[in-house]
N, C-alpha and C. Protein backbone atom coordinates (compact mmCIF):
# COMPACT_ATOMS: atom_id res chain seq x y z
N MET A 1 -6.15 -7.19 10.63
CA MET A 1 -6.65 -5.90 10.24
C MET A 1 -7.83 -5.57 11.15
N LYS A 2 -7.77 -4.42 11.72
CA LYS A 2 -8.78 -3.96 12.66
C LYS A 2 -9.89 -3.22 11.91
N GLN A 3 -11.15 -3.38 12.34
CA GLN A 3 -12.27 -2.64 11.77
C GLN A 3 -12.82 -1.68 12.81
N VAL A 4 -13.00 -0.43 12.41
CA VAL A 4 -13.45 0.61 13.34
C VAL A 4 -14.51 1.47 12.65
N PRO A 5 -15.61 1.76 13.35
CA PRO A 5 -16.62 2.65 12.77
C PRO A 5 -16.06 4.06 12.57
N ILE A 6 -16.54 4.71 11.53
CA ILE A 6 -16.05 6.05 11.19
C ILE A 6 -16.24 7.04 12.34
N GLU A 7 -17.29 6.87 13.12
CA GLU A 7 -17.53 7.78 14.25
C GLU A 7 -16.39 7.71 15.26
N GLU A 8 -15.88 6.49 15.50
CA GLU A 8 -14.76 6.33 16.43
C GLU A 8 -13.49 6.96 15.87
N ILE A 9 -13.28 6.81 14.57
CA ILE A 9 -12.11 7.42 13.92
C ILE A 9 -12.17 8.93 14.08
N LYS A 10 -13.35 9.52 13.84
CA LYS A 10 -13.51 10.97 13.97
C LYS A 10 -13.19 11.45 15.38
N ASN A 11 -13.60 10.68 16.37
CA ASN A 11 -13.42 11.08 17.77
C ASN A 11 -12.00 10.91 18.27
N ASN A 12 -11.21 10.05 17.62
CA ASN A 12 -9.86 9.78 18.11
C ASN A 12 -8.90 9.50 16.95
N LEU A 13 -8.86 10.39 15.99
CA LEU A 13 -8.02 10.18 14.81
C LEU A 13 -6.55 10.00 15.20
N SER A 14 -6.06 10.81 16.10
CA SER A 14 -4.66 10.74 16.50
C SER A 14 -4.31 9.34 17.04
N GLY A 15 -5.17 8.82 17.88
CA GLY A 15 -4.93 7.50 18.45
C GLY A 15 -4.95 6.40 17.40
N TYR A 16 -5.90 6.51 16.46
CA TYR A 16 -5.99 5.49 15.42
C TYR A 16 -4.84 5.60 14.41
N LEU A 17 -4.30 6.79 14.22
CA LEU A 17 -3.12 6.93 13.36
C LEU A 17 -1.93 6.18 13.96
N GLU A 18 -1.80 6.25 15.28
CA GLU A 18 -0.72 5.50 15.94
C GLU A 18 -0.91 4.00 15.75
N ILE A 19 -2.13 3.53 15.89
CA ILE A 19 -2.41 2.10 15.67
C ILE A 19 -2.13 1.73 14.22
N ALA A 20 -2.52 2.62 13.30
CA ALA A 20 -2.35 2.35 11.86
C ALA A 20 -0.89 2.26 11.45
N GLU A 21 0.03 2.78 12.26
CA GLU A 21 1.45 2.63 11.95
C GLU A 21 1.86 1.17 12.01
N LYS A 22 1.11 0.36 12.75
CA LYS A 22 1.46 -1.05 12.94
C LYS A 22 0.54 -1.99 12.16
N GLU A 23 -0.71 -1.56 11.93
CA GLU A 23 -1.64 -2.39 11.18
C GLU A 23 -2.66 -1.50 10.47
N ARG A 24 -3.12 -1.94 9.33
CA ARG A 24 -4.12 -1.18 8.60
C ARG A 24 -5.46 -1.27 9.32
N ILE A 25 -6.22 -0.19 9.22
CA ILE A 25 -7.52 -0.14 9.88
C ILE A 25 -8.59 0.05 8.81
N VAL A 26 -9.55 -0.87 8.79
CA VAL A 26 -10.68 -0.73 7.88
C VAL A 26 -11.71 0.17 8.56
N ILE A 27 -12.09 1.24 7.89
CA ILE A 27 -13.07 2.18 8.42
C ILE A 27 -14.44 1.75 7.90
N THR A 28 -15.40 1.64 8.82
CA THR A 28 -16.73 1.19 8.43
C THR A 28 -17.78 2.26 8.68
N ARG A 29 -18.82 2.20 7.88
CA ARG A 29 -20.01 3.04 8.07
C ARG A 29 -21.20 2.10 8.01
N ASP A 30 -21.99 2.09 9.05
CA ASP A 30 -23.14 1.17 9.15
C ASP A 30 -22.69 -0.28 8.95
N GLY A 31 -21.50 -0.59 9.48
CA GLY A 31 -20.98 -1.95 9.43
C GLY A 31 -20.36 -2.36 8.11
N LYS A 32 -20.34 -1.46 7.12
CA LYS A 32 -19.78 -1.78 5.80
C LYS A 32 -18.47 -1.02 5.60
N PRO A 33 -17.45 -1.68 5.03
CA PRO A 33 -16.17 -1.00 4.79
C PRO A 33 -16.33 0.17 3.82
N VAL A 34 -15.72 1.32 4.19
CA VAL A 34 -15.76 2.50 3.32
C VAL A 34 -14.38 3.09 3.08
N GLY A 35 -13.37 2.60 3.77
CA GLY A 35 -12.03 3.13 3.58
C GLY A 35 -11.02 2.36 4.40
N ILE A 36 -9.77 2.69 4.18
CA ILE A 36 -8.68 2.06 4.92
C ILE A 36 -7.76 3.16 5.43
N LEU A 37 -7.41 3.09 6.70
CA LEU A 37 -6.47 4.02 7.29
C LEU A 37 -5.11 3.34 7.35
N ILE A 38 -4.12 3.97 6.71
CA ILE A 38 -2.77 3.41 6.66
C ILE A 38 -1.83 4.40 7.31
N GLY A 39 -1.18 3.99 8.37
CA GLY A 39 -0.21 4.84 9.03
C GLY A 39 1.15 4.69 8.39
N LEU A 40 1.98 5.69 8.56
CA LEU A 40 3.32 5.67 8.00
C LEU A 40 4.33 5.66 9.13
N GLU A 41 5.12 4.61 9.22
CA GLU A 41 6.13 4.51 10.28
C GLU A 41 7.29 5.46 10.02
N ASP A 42 7.59 5.69 8.76
CA ASP A 42 8.74 6.50 8.36
C ASP A 42 8.24 7.62 7.45
N THR A 43 8.87 8.77 7.51
CA THR A 43 8.42 9.89 6.68
C THR A 43 8.55 9.62 5.18
N GLU A 44 9.38 8.66 4.79
CA GLU A 44 9.53 8.33 3.37
C GLU A 44 8.50 7.31 2.91
N ASP A 45 7.77 6.69 3.81
CA ASP A 45 6.79 5.67 3.44
C ASP A 45 5.68 6.22 2.56
N TRP A 46 5.36 7.50 2.66
CA TRP A 46 4.26 8.06 1.87
C TRP A 46 4.55 7.95 0.38
N TRP A 47 5.82 8.12 0.01
CA TRP A 47 6.19 8.03 -1.41
C TRP A 47 5.96 6.63 -1.94
N GLU A 48 6.39 5.64 -1.19
CA GLU A 48 6.20 4.25 -1.60
C GLU A 48 4.71 3.92 -1.71
N GLU A 49 3.93 4.36 -0.75
CA GLU A 49 2.49 4.10 -0.77
C GLU A 49 1.83 4.74 -1.99
N LEU A 50 2.19 5.97 -2.31
CA LEU A 50 1.65 6.63 -3.50
C LEU A 50 2.05 5.91 -4.77
N LEU A 51 3.30 5.49 -4.84
CA LEU A 51 3.80 4.79 -6.02
C LEU A 51 3.05 3.48 -6.23
N LEU A 52 2.83 2.73 -5.17
CA LEU A 52 2.14 1.45 -5.28
C LEU A 52 0.70 1.60 -5.76
N GLN A 53 0.09 2.75 -5.51
CA GLN A 53 -1.29 2.99 -5.91
C GLN A 53 -1.40 3.62 -7.30
N ASP A 54 -0.29 4.03 -7.88
CA ASP A 54 -0.30 4.71 -9.17
C ASP A 54 -0.58 3.71 -10.30
N PRO A 55 -1.64 3.94 -11.09
CA PRO A 55 -1.98 3.01 -12.18
C PRO A 55 -0.86 2.86 -13.21
N ARG A 56 -0.11 3.91 -13.45
CA ARG A 56 1.00 3.82 -14.42
C ARG A 56 2.08 2.89 -13.90
N PHE A 57 2.39 2.99 -12.61
CA PHE A 57 3.39 2.11 -12.01
C PHE A 57 2.90 0.66 -12.04
N GLN A 58 1.63 0.45 -11.71
CA GLN A 58 1.06 -0.90 -11.74
C GLN A 58 1.14 -1.49 -13.15
N ALA A 59 0.89 -0.67 -14.16
CA ALA A 59 0.98 -1.13 -15.55
C ALA A 59 2.41 -1.50 -15.92
N GLU A 60 3.37 -0.70 -15.47
CA GLU A 60 4.79 -1.00 -15.73
C GLU A 60 5.20 -2.32 -15.09
N VAL A 61 4.77 -2.54 -13.87
CA VAL A 61 5.09 -3.79 -13.17
C VAL A 61 4.46 -4.97 -13.89
N ALA A 62 3.20 -4.83 -14.29
CA ALA A 62 2.51 -5.91 -15.01
C ALA A 62 3.22 -6.22 -16.32
N GLN A 63 3.65 -5.18 -17.04
CA GLN A 63 4.34 -5.38 -18.31
C GLN A 63 5.68 -6.08 -18.08
N ALA A 64 6.40 -5.68 -17.05
CA ALA A 64 7.69 -6.31 -16.75
C ALA A 64 7.51 -7.78 -16.38
N ARG A 65 6.49 -8.08 -15.61
CA ARG A 65 6.23 -9.48 -15.23
C ARG A 65 5.87 -10.31 -16.45
N GLN A 66 5.07 -9.74 -17.36
CA GLN A 66 4.70 -10.45 -18.58
C GLN A 66 5.95 -10.72 -19.42
N SER A 67 6.83 -9.76 -19.54
CA SER A 67 8.07 -9.94 -20.30
C SER A 67 8.90 -11.08 -19.71
N LEU A 68 8.97 -11.13 -18.39
CA LEU A 68 9.72 -12.21 -17.74
C LEU A 68 9.09 -13.56 -18.01
N ARG A 69 7.75 -13.63 -17.98
CA ARG A 69 7.06 -14.89 -18.28
C ARG A 69 7.34 -15.35 -19.71
N GLU A 70 7.54 -14.40 -20.60
CA GLU A 70 7.81 -14.69 -22.01
C GLU A 70 9.29 -14.98 -22.25
N GLY A 71 10.08 -14.99 -21.19
CA GLY A 71 11.50 -15.29 -21.34
C GLY A 71 12.35 -14.09 -21.72
N LYS A 72 11.77 -12.92 -21.73
CA LYS A 72 12.52 -11.72 -22.04
C LYS A 72 13.11 -11.17 -20.75
N GLY A 73 14.06 -10.31 -20.86
CA GLY A 73 14.67 -9.71 -19.67
C GLY A 73 15.97 -10.43 -19.32
N ILE A 74 16.58 -9.98 -18.23
CA ILE A 74 17.84 -10.56 -17.80
C ILE A 74 17.76 -10.87 -16.31
N SER A 75 18.60 -11.79 -15.89
CA SER A 75 18.62 -12.18 -14.47
C SER A 75 19.34 -11.10 -13.65
N ILE A 76 19.18 -11.17 -12.36
CA ILE A 76 19.85 -10.22 -11.48
C ILE A 76 21.37 -10.37 -11.58
N GLU A 77 21.81 -11.59 -11.79
CA GLU A 77 23.25 -11.82 -11.94
C GLU A 77 23.78 -11.13 -13.19
N GLU A 78 23.02 -11.21 -14.29
CA GLU A 78 23.43 -10.55 -15.53
C GLU A 78 23.42 -9.02 -15.34
N MET A 79 22.44 -8.54 -14.61
CA MET A 79 22.35 -7.10 -14.35
C MET A 79 23.56 -6.62 -13.54
N ARG A 80 23.92 -7.39 -12.54
CA ARG A 80 25.09 -7.02 -11.70
C ARG A 80 26.37 -7.04 -12.52
N ALA A 81 26.47 -7.98 -13.45
CA ALA A 81 27.67 -8.07 -14.28
C ALA A 81 27.82 -6.85 -15.20
N LYS A 82 26.70 -6.29 -15.60
CA LYS A 82 26.74 -5.09 -16.47
C LYS A 82 27.14 -3.90 -15.66
């Protein structure tokens, strides 16, 4: 993960967006992280990124994982059979 001062990002946003398609960039102000620049390689990637950040989606995933730990749910093989 690359770290870049916010001033550099402002001066060359287009260039850093190209870099961000391959790796996340931590944006710093006075040497401290203040944000992350994430590039999208594919036009559909924005949807996945938004979904992963959605608290409701995160809660659903956590609940599903807890159910699996408790022995609830079905295996992928059982799902395919249905």
